[in-house]
Amino acid sequence: MATAQAFTMLDVRSTMPNIISNDILNNQEQEFWQTSYWDAVAVRDRRMDGLFLYAVRTTGVYCKPSCPSRRPRPENVVFFRTREAARRAGFRACKRCKPDATSTSNPNTDLVAKVCRYIDAHPDGPATLEALSRAIGLSPFHLQRTFKAVTGITPRAYADSRRLQALKAGLRDGHSVTRSLYDAGYGSSSRLYEGASSKLGMTPARYGKQGSGVAIRYTIAKTPIGRMLLAATGKGVCSVQFGDSDETLESELQAALPRGLDVEIDGQFPAMFSYKMKNYALLDSDGKLHVTGSALRSRGLEKFQRRFLEEMLTLALKGEAKQVPQLYEDYCQKIERAQFPIEMLAKTETLQDTLDAYQQKIAKSARNRSAVYELALKSGRTYQPGDQISYYVTGDGKRVSVYDNCKLATDFNPARRDENIDYYLDKLKSLYKKFAPILVT
């Protein structure tokens, strides 16, 4: 296999710009970019046409993977997801393979349609990548990557959505939970109840009894195989549907709800970011960000981190993800130049134990030392469970012991700033590295 260490993947954009999913760039995906894409170019694999483009630095042109032209040297190749991205980088379309020409049949969309038909025809069968790859005749990773690139969701998510639709239909028709779940293809009640509240927005029993007071938010995006609606309750994504028009999808969403259910359709949001179960962000038509889930608004984050994350999400959902690196640099400069007020850097925590109980647990090695309790003890003040303490980190270096290097925010002296610059830069870097691979694509 040819080495591909010099390869670069530029401006990899989702085919669904309005919906960003948590497709973390792990080692397996990096390997996919550096080997599978090049392998496709090396053998002129037509199945990969439409999934990506490659460009050659020495000729200045971009081509389809199946281009019959002479194979370029690996170190001169860069990859793009869209022709617009290739053009922005200064490349022009190849006159031989004509990558800008509209094809009447795309192998990737044909593959997705084939997978969907197979899943629909085998509701009781396992939707594992291994089972699907055997049935379709492709490797599990290629199948997963292609399906996700075209639809924005995994084959498993599609299968779960179809099974859930069958469950809802049974419950709406008045059947028992047990009959509905087995008719829908669930192997056991435990498999259903493991994620029922997040998928239905309520328990199956409540759904069947016409539960009320559920708010549903949704977004609709264009995909190569039609319009896609992604809906979510406060507990997570509850519906994924494909259709030809927004009106049809909205009607089908309403029809999928139990009869008599008083549901508030919270509105159509232009953009959505789904991070993980019960954690997502929505951008409304006025450009305001709505965040749900502790992973995206954790109290464990300092205020400057929460604001940075909100600004990152807003830029990404507005289609301005390229500005995120500059946003990161701006925040770094503010920390380095001590421009943030201490309220932005401080962390606020609530005491759960009395100070005596804390000391007893420390003596018994029943818990670790805590900055807020150590500060409370040093202050000489009377603190009770439920009291909140705000503090900031001092000292030198990013790997300091926080409980040994902290001060009460109320003791901060703006004229003699002593916050730990390296510590806060590292906190910002960790947050950036966690979300940038997902958002800046």
Foldseek 3Di string as FASTA:
>chain_A
DDWQPLEAEPQAAFLWLFEFEAPFCDPVNVVCRRPVLVVLLVVLPQLCQLQKWKAFQVVQAIAGSNQPDDRDDSNRIYMYRDVVRSVVVRGHYDPRRRSVDDDPDRNLVVLLVVLLVVLVVCLQDDQQLVVSCVVSVHHSVVSQSSNCRQQVDGSVVSSVQQLLLQLLVCLLVLHDNVVSNVVSNNPDVCVCVVCVCFQQVHHSVCQSVQHEDWEKEWEWTAGPVAIWIWIGTLFHTHHIDGDHDPVVVVVVVVVSGRPPYHYHHPDYFSHKYYYDGSWIWTQHPVLDIDTTDCVLVPLVDAQLLNVLSRVCVSCLSVVNNVCNVVSLVVVLVCLVVVVDQVSRQKHKDFAAAALVVVVVCVVVVVDDDDQVSLQVVVVPDGDDGGDMFIKAFFDEAQPDDRNVGMDTSVPADPVDHGGHSRNVNVVSVVSCVSCSSSRSD
